[in-house]
Amino acid sequence: MLRYAALILLILLIGLQLKLWTGAGGVRDVDSLRQTVAQTKRENEELKARNEALAAEVRDLKEGRAAIEERARSELGLIKPGETFYQIVEPSAAAPAPTPQQK
């Protein structure tokens, strides 16, 4: 009788181990969830840093004229009266350089 009880307990232990390692909610699922949580935390940190940068930019635009002026100059190409605008154009990679014969 004791042998049967030990055999039943051994079979039960093997069944529980299989469920633990391969079943739903087992070690694999927990590891997968941990990886998902870690990735979500990384994404949240990146988004938090982006939000803080955007909030700082909004504060600058609300409070300071320097940020507005810098944006107007860089994005709209505006200049102040009396200033001279110089634009430097880099040669494109698609256009071949002139050869000595073409000069």
PDB file of N, CA and C in Angstrom:
ATOM      1  N   MET A   1       0.820  -1.187   0.000  1.00  0.00           N
ATOM      2  CA  MET A   1       0.000   0.000   0.000  1.00  0.00           C
ATOM      3  C   MET A   1       0.868   1.257   0.000  1.00  0.00           C
ATOM      4  N   LEU A   2       1.941   1.225   0.762  1.00  0.00           N
ATOM      5  CA  LEU A   2       2.853   2.361   0.838  1.00  0.00           C
ATOM      6  C   LEU A   2       3.520   2.594  -0.516  1.00  0.00           C
ATOM      7  N   ARG A   3       3.793   1.510  -1.239  1.00  0.00           N
ATOM      8  CA  ARG A   3       4.410   1.646  -2.567  1.00  0.00           C
ATOM      9  C   ARG A   3       3.463   2.337  -3.530  1.00  0.00           C
ATOM     10  N   TYR A   4       2.166   1.994  -3.457  1.00  0.00           N
ATOM     11  CA  TYR A   4       1.188   2.617  -4.340  1.00  0.00           C
ATOM     12  C   TYR A   4       1.041   4.103  -4.020  1.00  0.00           C
ATOM     13  N   ALA A   5       1.051   4.419  -2.756  1.00  0.00           N
ATOM     14  CA  ALA A   5       0.954   5.823  -2.355  1.00  0.00           C
ATOM     15  C   ALA A   5       2.179   6.593  -2.841  1.00  0.00           C
ATOM     16  N   ALA A   6       3.369   6.016  -2.722  1.00  0.00           N
ATOM     17  CA  ALA A   6       4.585   6.675  -3.193  1.00  0.00           C
ATOM     18  C   ALA A   6       4.547   6.819  -4.714  1.00  0.00           C
ATOM     19  N   LEU A   7       4.056   5.806  -5.423  1.00  0.00           N
ATOM     20  CA  LEU A   7       3.950   5.865  -6.880  1.00  0.00           C
ATOM     21  C   LEU A   7       2.957   6.946  -7.306  1.00  0.00           C
ATOM     22  N   ILE A   8       1.833   7.019  -6.621  1.00  0.00           N
ATOM     23  CA  ILE A   8       0.833   8.050  -6.936  1.00  0.00           C
ATOM     24  C   ILE A   8       1.408   9.440  -6.668  1.00  0.00           C
ATOM     25  N   LEU A   9       2.111   9.603  -5.568  1.00  0.00           N
ATOM     26  CA  LEU A   9       2.736  10.896  -5.262  1.00  0.00           C
ATOM     27  C   LEU A   9       3.804  11.259  -6.297  1.00  0.00           C
ATOM     28  N   LEU A  10       4.565  10.269  -6.756  1.00  0.00           N
ATOM     29  CA  LEU A  10       5.585  10.515  -7.775  1.00  0.00           C
ATOM     30  C   LEU A  10       4.939  10.933  -9.089  1.00  0.00           C
ATOM     31  N   ILE A  11       3.886  10.266  -9.485  1.00  0.00           N
ATOM     32  CA  ILE A  11       3.167  10.623 -10.718  1.00  0.00           C
ATOM     33  C   ILE A  11       2.563  12.016 -10.582  1.00  0.00           C
ATOM     34  N   LEU A  12       2.002  12.302  -9.431  1.00  0.00           N
ATOM     35  CA  LEU A  12       1.433  13.625  -9.174  1.00  0.00           C
ATOM     36  C   LEU A  12       2.522  14.699  -9.227  1.00  0.00           C
ATOM     37  N   LEU A  13       3.675  14.425  -8.664  1.00  0.00           N
ATOM     38  CA  LEU A  13       4.795  15.362  -8.699  1.00  0.00           C
ATOM     39  C   LEU A  13       5.265  15.604 -10.127  1.00  0.00           C
ATOM     40  N   ILE A  14       5.366  14.553 -10.922  1.00  0.00           N
ATOM     41  CA  ILE A  14       5.776  14.701 -12.325  1.00  0.00           C
ATOM     42  C   ILE A  14       4.738  15.522 -13.093  1.00  0.00           C
ATOM     43  N   GLY A  15       3.473  15.250 -12.851  1.00  0.00           N
ATOM     44  CA  GLY A  15       2.404  16.013 -13.517  1.00  0.00           C
ATOM     45  C   GLY A  15       2.456  17.489 -13.146  1.00  0.00           C
ATOM     46  N   LEU A  16       2.676  17.779 -11.875  1.00  0.00           N
ATOM     47  CA  LEU A  16       2.766  19.180 -11.437  1.00  0.00           C
ATOM     48  C   LEU A  16       4.000  19.864 -12.019  1.00  0.00           C
ATOM     49  N   GLN A  17       5.108  19.147 -12.110  1.00  0.00           N
ATOM     50  CA  GLN A  17       6.314  19.715 -12.700  1.00  0.00           C
ATOM     51  C   GLN A  17       6.091  20.036 -14.181  1.00  0.00           C
ATOM     52  N   LEU A  18       5.426  19.125 -14.899  1.00  0.00           N
ATOM     53  CA  LEU A  18       5.127  19.380 -16.303  1.00  0.00           C
ATOM     54  C   LEU A  18       4.245  20.614 -16.451  1.00  0.00           C
ATOM     55  N   LYS A  19       3.246  20.727 -15.603  1.00  0.00           N
ATOM     56  CA  LYS A  19       2.355  21.899 -15.649  1.00  0.00           C
ATOM     57  C   LYS A  19       3.133  23.167 -15.334  1.00  0.00           C
ATOM     58  N   LEU A  20       4.035  23.083 -14.373  1.00  0.00           N
ATOM     59  CA  LEU A  20       4.825  24.254 -13.989  1.00  0.00           C
ATOM     60  C   LEU A  20       5.706  24.729 -15.137  1.00  0.00           C
ATOM     61  N   TRP A  21       6.356  23.820 -15.828  1.00  0.00           N
ATOM     62  CA  TRP A  21       7.323  24.199 -16.853  1.00  0.00           C
ATOM     63  C   TRP A  21       6.700  24.441 -18.213  1.00  0.00           C
ATOM     64  N   THR A  22       5.611  23.754 -18.547  1.00  0.00           N
ATOM     65  CA  THR A  22       5.063  23.862 -19.900  1.00  0.00           C
ATOM     66  C   THR A  22       3.641  24.385 -19.952  1.00  0.00           C
ATOM     67  N   GLY A  23       2.915  24.380 -18.856  1.00  0.00           N
ATOM     68  CA  GLY A  23       1.508  24.743 -18.874  1.00  0.00           C
ATOM     69  C   GLY A  23       1.265  26.243 -18.900  1.00  0.00           C
ATOM     70  N   ALA A  24      -0.019  26.602 -19.021  1.00  0.00           N
ATOM     71  CA  ALA A  24      -0.423  28.007 -19.005  1.00  0.00           C
ATOM     72  C   ALA A  24      -0.108  28.591 -17.628  1.00  0.00           C
ATOM     73  N   GLY A  25       0.502  29.741 -17.624  1.00  0.00           N
ATOM     74  CA  GLY A  25       0.882  30.365 -16.365  1.00  0.00           C
ATOM     75  C   GLY A  25       2.146  29.785 -15.779  1.00  0.00           C
ATOM     76  N   GLY A  26       2.848  28.985 -16.568  1.00  0.00           N
ATOM     77  CA  GLY A  26       4.067  28.357 -16.093  1.00  0.00           C
ATOM     78  C   GLY A  26       5.275  29.268 -16.233  1.00  0.00           C
ATOM     79  N   VAL A  27       6.424  28.677 -16.124  1.00  0.00           N
ATOM     80  CA  VAL A  27       7.686  29.419 -16.142  1.00  0.00           C
ATOM     81  C   VAL A  27       7.869  30.166 -17.461  1.00  0.00           C
ATOM     82  N   ARG A  28       7.520  29.546 -18.579  1.00  0.00           N
ATOM     83  CA  ARG A  28       7.670  30.206 -19.880  1.00  0.00           C
ATOM     84  C   ARG A  28       6.806  31.459 -19.964  1.00  0.00           C
ATOM     85  N   ASP A  29       5.563  31.337 -19.526  1.00  0.00           N
ATOM     86  CA  ASP A  29       4.670  32.494 -19.565  1.00  0.00           C
ATOM     87  C   ASP A  29       5.163  33.611 -18.656  1.00  0.00           C
ATOM     88  N   VAL A  30       5.637  33.259 -17.496  1.00  0.00           N
ATOM     89  CA  VAL A  30       6.146  34.260 -16.558  1.00  0.00           C
ATOM     90  C   VAL A  30       7.369  34.960 -17.144  1.00  0.00           C
ATOM     91  N   ASP A  31       8.264  34.208 -17.761  1.00  0.00           N
ATOM     92  CA  ASP A  31       9.447  34.804 -18.374  1.00  0.00           C
ATOM     93  C   ASP A  31       9.047  35.728 -19.521  1.00  0.00           C
ATOM     94  N   SER A  32       8.103  35.296 -20.329  1.00  0.00           N
ATOM     95  CA  SER A  32       7.619  36.120 -21.439  1.00  0.00           C
ATOM     96  C   SER A  32       6.998  37.418 -20.913  1.00  0.00           C
ATOM     97  N   LEU A  33       6.218  37.309 -19.849  1.00  0.00           N
ATOM     98  CA  LEU A  33       5.608  38.501 -19.254  1.00  0.00           C
ATOM     99  C   LEU A  33       6.661  39.441 -18.675  1.00  0.00           C
ATOM    100  N   ARG A  34       7.700  38.884 -18.073  1.00  0.00           N
ATOM    101  CA  ARG A  34       8.778  39.729 -17.537  1.00  0.00           C
ATOM    102  C   ARG A  34       9.469  40.495 -18.653  1.00  0.00           C
ATOM    103  N   GLN A  35       9.718  39.831 -19.775  1.00  0.00           N
ATOM    104  CA  GLN A  35      10.348  40.503 -20.912  1.00  0.00           C
ATOM    105  C   GLN A  35       9.440  41.602 -21.459  1.00  0.00           C
ATOM    106  N   THR A  36       8.156  41.329 -21.537  1.00  0.00           N
ATOM    107  CA  THR A  36       7.204  42.326 -22.021  1.00  0.00           C
ATOM    108  C   THR A  36       7.162  43.528 -21.090  1.00  0.00           C
ATOM    109  N   VAL A  37       7.163  43.279 -19.791  1.00  0.00           N
ATOM    110  CA  VAL A  37       7.150  44.370 -18.815  1.00  0.00           C
ATOM    111  C   VAL A  37       8.421  45.202 -18.928  1.00  0.00           C
ATOM    112  N   ALA A  38       9.563  44.554 -19.080  1.00  0.00           N
ATOM    113  CA  ALA A  38      10.832  45.277 -19.204  1.00  0.00           C
ATOM    114  C   ALA A  38      10.835  46.146 -20.462  1.00  0.00           C
ATOM    115  N   GLN A  39      10.354  45.602 -21.570  1.00  0.00           N
ATOM    116  CA  GLN A  39      10.315  46.367 -22.814  1.00  0.00           C
ATOM    117  C   GLN A  39       9.346  47.543 -22.686  1.00  0.00           C
ATOM    118  N   THR A  40       8.207  47.318 -22.059  1.00  0.00           N
ATOM    119  CA  THR A  40       7.237  48.390 -21.867  1.00  0.00           C
ATOM    120  C   THR A  40       7.812  49.486 -20.979  1.00  0.00           C
ATOM    121  N   LYS A  41       8.565  49.114 -19.952  1.00  0.00           N
ATOM    122  CA  LYS A  41       9.201  50.115 -19.092  1.00  0.00           C
ATOM    123  C   LYS A  41      10.200  50.949 -19.883  1.00  0.00           C
ATOM    124  N   ARG A  42      10.997  50.288 -20.746  1.00  0.00           N
ATOM    125  CA  ARG A  42      11.955  51.030 -21.577  1.00  0.00           C
ATOM    126  C   ARG A  42      11.232  52.017 -22.489  1.00  0.00           C
ATOM    127  N   GLU A  43      10.156  51.556 -23.127  1.00  0.00           N
ATOM    128  CA  GLU A  43       9.384  52.424 -24.009  1.00  0.00           C
ATOM    129  C   GLU A  43       8.788  53.590 -23.233  1.00  0.00           C
ATOM    130  N   ASN A  44       8.294  53.307 -22.037  1.00  0.00           N
ATOM    131  CA  ASN A  44       7.719  54.370 -21.209  1.00  0.00           C
ATOM    132  C   ASN A  44       8.763  55.404 -20.827  1.00  0.00           C
ATOM    133  N   GLU A  45       9.983  54.953 -20.522  1.00  0.00           N
ATOM    134  CA  GLU A  45      11.056  55.892 -20.176  1.00  0.00           C
ATOM    135  C   GLU A  45      11.403  56.780 -21.370  1.00  0.00           C
ATOM    136  N   GLU A  46      11.459  56.172 -22.566  1.00  0.00           N
ATOM    137  CA  GLU A  46      11.742  56.951 -23.764  1.00  0.00           C
ATOM    138  C   GLU A  46      10.642  57.981 -24.012  1.00  0.00           C
ATOM    139  N   LEU A  47       9.394  57.552 -23.865  1.00  0.00           N
ATOM    140  CA  LEU A  47       8.271  58.468 -24.076  1.00  0.00           C
ATOM    141  C   LEU A  47       8.239  59.556 -23.004  1.00  0.00           C
ATOM    142  N   LYS A  48       8.606  59.200 -21.788  1.00  0.00           N
ATOM    143  CA  LYS A  48       8.648  60.183 -20.715  1.00  0.00           C
ATOM    144  C   LYS A  48       9.701  61.253 -21.011  1.00  0.00           C
ATOM    145  N   ALA A  49      10.881  60.825 -21.486  1.00  0.00           N
ATOM    146  CA  ALA A  49      11.930  61.782 -21.837  1.00  0.00           C
ATOM    147  C   ALA A  49      11.479  62.672 -22.995  1.00  0.00           C
ATOM    148  N   ARG A  50      10.796  62.085 -23.965  1.00  0.00           N
ATOM    149  CA  ARG A  50      10.281  62.873 -25.097  1.00  0.00           C
ATOM    150  C   ARG A  50       9.246  63.879 -24.623  1.00  0.00           C
ATOM    151  N   ASN A  51       8.354  63.450 -23.749  1.00  0.00           N
ATOM    152  CA  ASN A  51       7.335  64.355 -23.215  1.00  0.00           C
ATOM    153  C   ASN A  51       7.960  65.498 -22.427  1.00  0.00           C
ATOM    154  N   GLU A  52       8.997  65.198 -21.650  1.00  0.00           N
ATOM    155  CA  GLU A  52       9.668  66.247 -20.887  1.00  0.00           C
ATOM    156  C   GLU A  52      10.342  67.245 -21.816  1.00  0.00           C
ATOM    157  N   ALA A  53      10.938  66.754 -22.899  1.00  0.00           N
ATOM    158  CA  ALA A  53      11.565  67.658 -23.867  1.00  0.00           C
ATOM    159  C   ALA A  53      10.522  68.535 -24.541  1.00  0.00           C
ATOM    160  N   LEU A  54       9.383  67.944 -24.897  1.00  0.00           N
ATOM    161  CA  LEU A  54       8.310  68.729 -25.512  1.00  0.00           C
ATOM    162  C   LEU A  54       7.741  69.747 -24.537  1.00  0.00           C
ATOM    163  N   ALA A  55       7.603  69.352 -23.277  1.00  0.00           N
ATOM    164  CA  ALA A  55       7.098  70.293 -22.266  1.00  0.00           C
ATOM    165  C   ALA A  55       8.066  71.451 -22.079  1.00  0.00           C
ATOM    166  N   ALA A  56       9.365  71.164 -22.092  1.00  0.00           N
ATOM    167  CA  ALA A  56      10.360  72.231 -21.966  1.00  0.00           C
ATOM    168  C   ALA A  56      10.296  73.159 -23.172  1.00  0.00           C
ATOM    169  N   GLU A  57      10.104  72.594 -24.348  1.00  0.00           N
ATOM    170  CA  GLU A  57       9.996  73.419 -25.548  1.00  0.00           C
ATOM    171  C   GLU A  57       8.754  74.308 -25.488  1.00  0.00           C
ATOM    172  N   VAL A  58       7.650  73.758 -25.007  1.00  0.00           N
ATOM    173  CA  VAL A  58       6.423  74.554 -24.863  1.00  0.00           C
ATOM    174  C   VAL A  58       6.643  75.683 -23.871  1.00  0.00           C
ATOM    175  N   ARG A  59       7.313  75.392 -22.755  1.00  0.00           N
ATOM    176  CA  ARG A  59       7.605  76.453 -21.770  1.00  0.00           C
ATOM    177  C   ARG A  59       8.460  77.547 -22.392  1.00  0.00           C
ATOM    178  N   ASP A  60       9.469  77.136 -23.159  1.00  0.00           N
ATOM    179  CA  ASP A  60      10.336  78.122 -23.816  1.00  0.00           C
ATOM    180  C   ASP A  60       9.546  78.999 -24.781  1.00  0.00           C
ATOM    181  N   LEU A  61       8.649  78.362 -25.544  1.00  0.00           N
ATOM    182  CA  LEU A  61       7.864  79.128 -26.507  1.00  0.00           C
ATOM    183  C   LEU A  61       6.883  80.063 -25.807  1.00  0.00           C
ATOM    184  N   LYS A  62       6.348  79.662 -24.665  1.00  0.00           N
ATOM    185  CA  LYS A  62       5.412  80.517 -23.931  1.00  0.00           C
ATOM    186  C   LYS A  62       6.113  81.662 -23.222  1.00  0.00           C
ATOM    187  N   GLU A  63       7.302  81.410 -22.706  1.00  0.00           N
ATOM    188  CA  GLU A  63       7.957  82.383 -21.841  1.00  0.00           C
ATOM    189  C   GLU A  63       9.003  83.234 -22.542  1.00  0.00           C
ATOM    190  N   GLY A  64       9.715  82.684 -23.491  1.00  0.00           N
ATOM    191  CA  GLY A  64      10.861  83.412 -24.026  1.00  0.00           C
ATOM    192  C   GLY A  64      10.720  83.765 -25.487  1.00  0.00           C
ATOM    193  N   ARG A  65      11.234  84.930 -25.833  1.00  0.00           N
ATOM    194  CA  ARG A  65      11.215  85.359 -27.223  1.00  0.00           C
ATOM    195  C   ARG A  65      12.368  84.736 -28.004  1.00  0.00           C
ATOM    196  N   ALA A  66      13.424  84.336 -27.310  1.00  0.00           N
ATOM    197  CA  ALA A  66      14.593  83.769 -27.992  1.00  0.00           C
ATOM    198  C   ALA A  66      14.226  82.472 -28.708  1.00  0.00           C
ATOM    199  N   ALA A  67      13.413  81.637 -28.084  1.00  0.00           N
ATOM    200  CA  ALA A  67      13.026  80.377 -28.714  1.00  0.00           C
ATOM    201  C   ALA A  67      12.149  80.633 -29.935  1.00  0.00           C
ATOM    202  N   ILE A  68      11.267  81.611 -29.844  1.00  0.00           N
ATOM    203  CA  ILE A  68      10.401  81.941 -30.981  1.00  0.00           C
ATOM    204  C   ILE A  68      11.253  82.478 -32.133  1.00  0.00           C
ATOM    205  N   GLU A  69      12.199  83.350 -31.798  1.00  0.00           N
ATOM    206  CA  GLU A  69      13.073  83.916 -32.826  1.00  0.00           C
ATOM    207  C   GLU A  69      13.914  82.830 -33.491  1.00  0.00           C
ATOM    208  N   GLU A  70      14.449  81.919 -32.687  1.00  0.00           N
ATOM    209  CA  GLU A  70      15.278  80.841 -33.232  1.00  0.00           C
ATOM    210  C   GLU A  70      14.466  79.962 -34.181  1.00  0.00           C
ATOM    211  N   ARG A  71      13.226  79.670 -33.806  1.00  0.00           N
ATOM    212  CA  ARG A  71      12.361  78.861 -34.670  1.00  0.00           C
ATOM    213  C   ARG A  71      12.036  79.599 -35.959  1.00  0.00           C
ATOM    214  N   ALA A  72      11.738  80.879 -35.854  1.00  0.00           N
ATOM    215  CA  ALA A  72      11.417  81.661 -37.047  1.00  0.00           C
ATOM    216  C   ALA A  72      12.613  81.706 -37.992  1.00  0.00           C
ATOM    217  N   ARG A  73      13.811  81.822 -37.436  1.00  0.00           N
ATOM    218  CA  ARG A  73      15.007  81.874 -38.281  1.00  0.00           C
ATOM    219  C   ARG A  73      15.297  80.526 -38.935  1.00  0.00           C
ATOM    220  N   SER A  74      15.243  79.442 -38.155  1.00  0.00           N
ATOM    221  CA  SER A  74      15.637  78.144 -38.695  1.00  0.00           C
ATOM    222  C   SER A  74      14.571  77.519 -39.586  1.00  0.00           C
ATOM    223  N   GLU A  75      13.305  77.625 -39.185  1.00  0.00           N
ATOM    224  CA  GLU A  75      12.255  76.928 -39.926  1.00  0.00           C
ATOM    225  C   GLU A  75      11.644  77.783 -41.037  1.00  0.00           C
ATOM    226  N   LEU A  76      11.570  79.093 -40.804  1.00  0.00           N
ATOM    227  CA  LEU A  76      10.918  79.946 -41.788  1.00  0.00           C
ATOM    228  C   LEU A  76      11.907  80.781 -42.598  1.00  0.00           C
ATOM    229  N   GLY A  77      13.169  80.789 -42.186  1.00  0.00           N
ATOM    230  CA  GLY A  77      14.177  81.539 -42.911  1.00  0.00           C
ATOM    231  C   GLY A  77      14.054  83.045 -42.752  1.00  0.00           C
ATOM    232  N   LEU A  78      13.448  83.514 -41.689  1.00  0.00           N
ATOM    233  CA  LEU A  78      13.263  84.946 -41.475  1.00  0.00           C
ATOM    234  C   LEU A  78      14.555  85.594 -41.003  1.00  0.00           C
ATOM    235  N   ILE A  79      14.743  86.851 -41.393  1.00  0.00           N
ATOM    236  CA  ILE A  79      15.907  87.621 -40.964  1.00  0.00           C
ATOM    237  C   ILE A  79      15.435  88.965 -40.427  1.00  0.00           C
ATOM    238  N   LYS A  80      16.253  89.598 -39.610  1.00  0.00           N
ATOM    239  CA  LYS A  80      15.921  90.910 -39.054  1.00  0.00           C
ATOM    240  C   LYS A  80      16.255  91.996 -40.076  1.00  0.00           C
ATOM    241  N   PRO A  81      15.600  93.137 -39.958  1.00  0.00           N
ATOM    242  CA  PRO A  81      15.946  94.238 -40.862  1.00  0.00           C
ATOM    243  C   PRO A  81      17.404  94.631 -40.667  1.00  0.00           C
ATOM    244  N   GLY A  82      18.105  94.857 -41.772  1.00  0.00           N
ATOM    245  CA  GLY A  82      19.503  95.244 -41.721  1.00  0.00           C
ATOM    246  C   GLY A  82      20.464  94.072 -41.743  1.00  0.00           C
ATOM    247  N   GLU A  83      19.979  92.843 -41.612  1.00  0.00           N
ATOM    248  CA  GLU A  83      20.845  91.672 -41.668  1.00  0.00           C
ATOM    249  C   GLU A  83      21.004  91.218 -43.112  1.00  0.00           C
ATOM    250  N   THR A  84      22.086  90.552 -43.382  1.00  0.00           N
ATOM    251  CA  THR A  84      22.330  89.985 -44.706  1.00  0.00           C
ATOM    252  C   THR A  84      22.246  88.468 -44.584  1.00  0.00           C
ATOM    253  N   PHE A  85      21.487  87.868 -45.477  1.00  0.00           N
ATOM    254  CA  PHE A  85      21.278  86.421 -45.447  1.00  0.00           C
ATOM    255  C   PHE A  85      22.267  85.754 -46.398  1.00  0.00           C
ATOM    256  N   TYR A  86      23.000  84.785 -45.893  1.00  0.00           N
ATOM    257  CA  TYR A  86      23.918  83.985 -46.696  1.00  0.00           C
ATOM    258  C   TYR A  86      23.462  82.543 -46.638  1.00  0.00           C
ATOM    259  N   GLN A  87      23.331  81.930 -47.797  1.00  0.00           N
ATOM    260  CA  GLN A  87      22.946  80.521 -47.847  1.00  0.00           C
ATOM    261  C   GLN A  87      24.085  79.746 -48.483  1.00  0.00           C
ATOM    262  N   ILE A  88      24.556  78.736 -47.793  1.00  0.00           N
ATOM    263  CA  ILE A  88      25.642  77.888 -48.298  1.00  0.00           C
ATOM    264  C   ILE A  88      25.012  76.613 -48.822  1.00  0.00           C
ATOM    265  N   VAL A  89      25.241  76.357 -50.093  1.00  0.00           N
ATOM    266  CA  VAL A  89      24.670  75.176 -50.734  1.00  0.00           C
ATOM    267  C   VAL A  89      25.786  74.161 -50.928  1.00  0.00           C
ATOM    268  N   GLU A  90      25.609  72.990 -50.346  1.00  0.00           N
ATOM    269  CA  GLU A  90      26.570  71.905 -50.490  1.00  0.00           C
ATOM    270  C   GLU A  90      26.336  71.236 -51.840  1.00  0.00           C
ATOM    271  N   PRO A  91      27.412  70.873 -52.558  1.00  0.00           N
ATOM    272  CA  PRO A  91      27.201  70.165 -53.830  1.00  0.00           C
ATOM    273  C   PRO A  91      26.569  68.807 -53.555  1.00  0.00           C
ATOM    274  N   SER A  92      25.601  68.459 -54.363  1.00  0.00           N
ATOM    275  CA  SER A  92      24.917  67.181 -54.152  1.00  0.00           C
ATOM    276  C   SER A  92      25.768  66.043 -54.677  1.00  0.00           C
ATOM    277  N   ALA A  93      25.555  64.871 -54.147  1.00  0.00           N
ATOM    278  CA  ALA A  93      26.319  63.689 -54.548  1.00  0.00           C
ATOM    279  C   ALA A  93      25.932  63.248 -55.955  1.00  0.00           C
ATOM    280  N   ALA A  94      24.697  63.576 -56.390  1.00  0.00           N
ATOM    281  CA  ALA A  94      24.225  63.151 -57.701  1.00  0.00           C
ATOM    282  C   ALA A  94      24.872  63.965 -58.822  1.00  0.00           C
ATOM    283  N   ALA A  95      25.196  65.229 -58.553  1.00  0.00           N
ATOM    284  CA  ALA A  95      25.789  66.078 -59.578  1.00  0.00           C
ATOM    285  C   ALA A  95      27.291  65.796 -59.661  1.00  0.00           C
ATOM    286  N   PRO A  96      27.806  65.458 -60.853  1.00  0.00           N
ATOM    287  CA  PRO A  96      29.245  65.199 -60.976  1.00  0.00           C
ATOM    288  C   PRO A  96      30.038  66.498 -60.902  1.00  0.00           C
ATOM    289  N   ALA A  97      31.208  66.395 -60.369  1.00  0.00           N
ATOM    290  CA  ALA A  97      32.091  67.559 -60.282  1.00  0.00           C
ATOM    291  C   ALA A  97      32.596  67.903 -61.682  1.00  0.00           C
ATOM    292  N   PRO A  98      32.771  69.205 -61.971  1.00  0.00           N
ATOM    293  CA  PRO A  98      33.249  69.570 -63.313  1.00  0.00           C
ATOM    294  C   PRO A  98      34.674  69.081 -63.545  1.00  0.00           C
ATOM    295  N   THR A  99      34.921  68.597 -64.715  1.00  0.00           N
ATOM    296  CA  THR A  99      36.260  68.129 -65.078  1.00  0.00           C
ATOM    297  C   THR A  99      37.054  69.298 -65.630  1.00  0.00           C
ATOM    298  N   PRO A 100      38.369  69.207 -65.669  1.00  0.00           N
ATOM    299  CA  PRO A 100      39.178  70.321 -66.174  1.00  0.00           C
ATOM    300  C   PRO A 100      38.822  70.679 -67.620  1.00  0.00           C
ATOM    301  N   GLN A 101      38.343  69.752 -68.412  1.00  0.00           N
ATOM    302  CA  GLN A 101      38.002  70.028 -69.801  1.00  0.00           C
ATOM    303  C   GLN A 101      36.750  70.880 -69.915  1.00  0.00           C
ATOM    304  N   GLN A 102      35.832  70.767 -68.929  1.00  0.00           N
ATOM    305  CA  GLN A 102      34.566  71.512 -68.976  1.00  0.00           C
ATOM    306  C   GLN A 102      34.754  72.956 -68.569  1.00  0.00           C
ATOM    307  N   LYS A 103      35.810  73.316 -67.915  1.00  0.00           N
ATOM    308  CA  LYS A 103      36.013  74.686 -67.439  1.00  0.00           C
ATOM    309  C   LYS A 103      36.318  75.578 -68.549  1.00  0.00           C
TER     310      LYS A 103
END
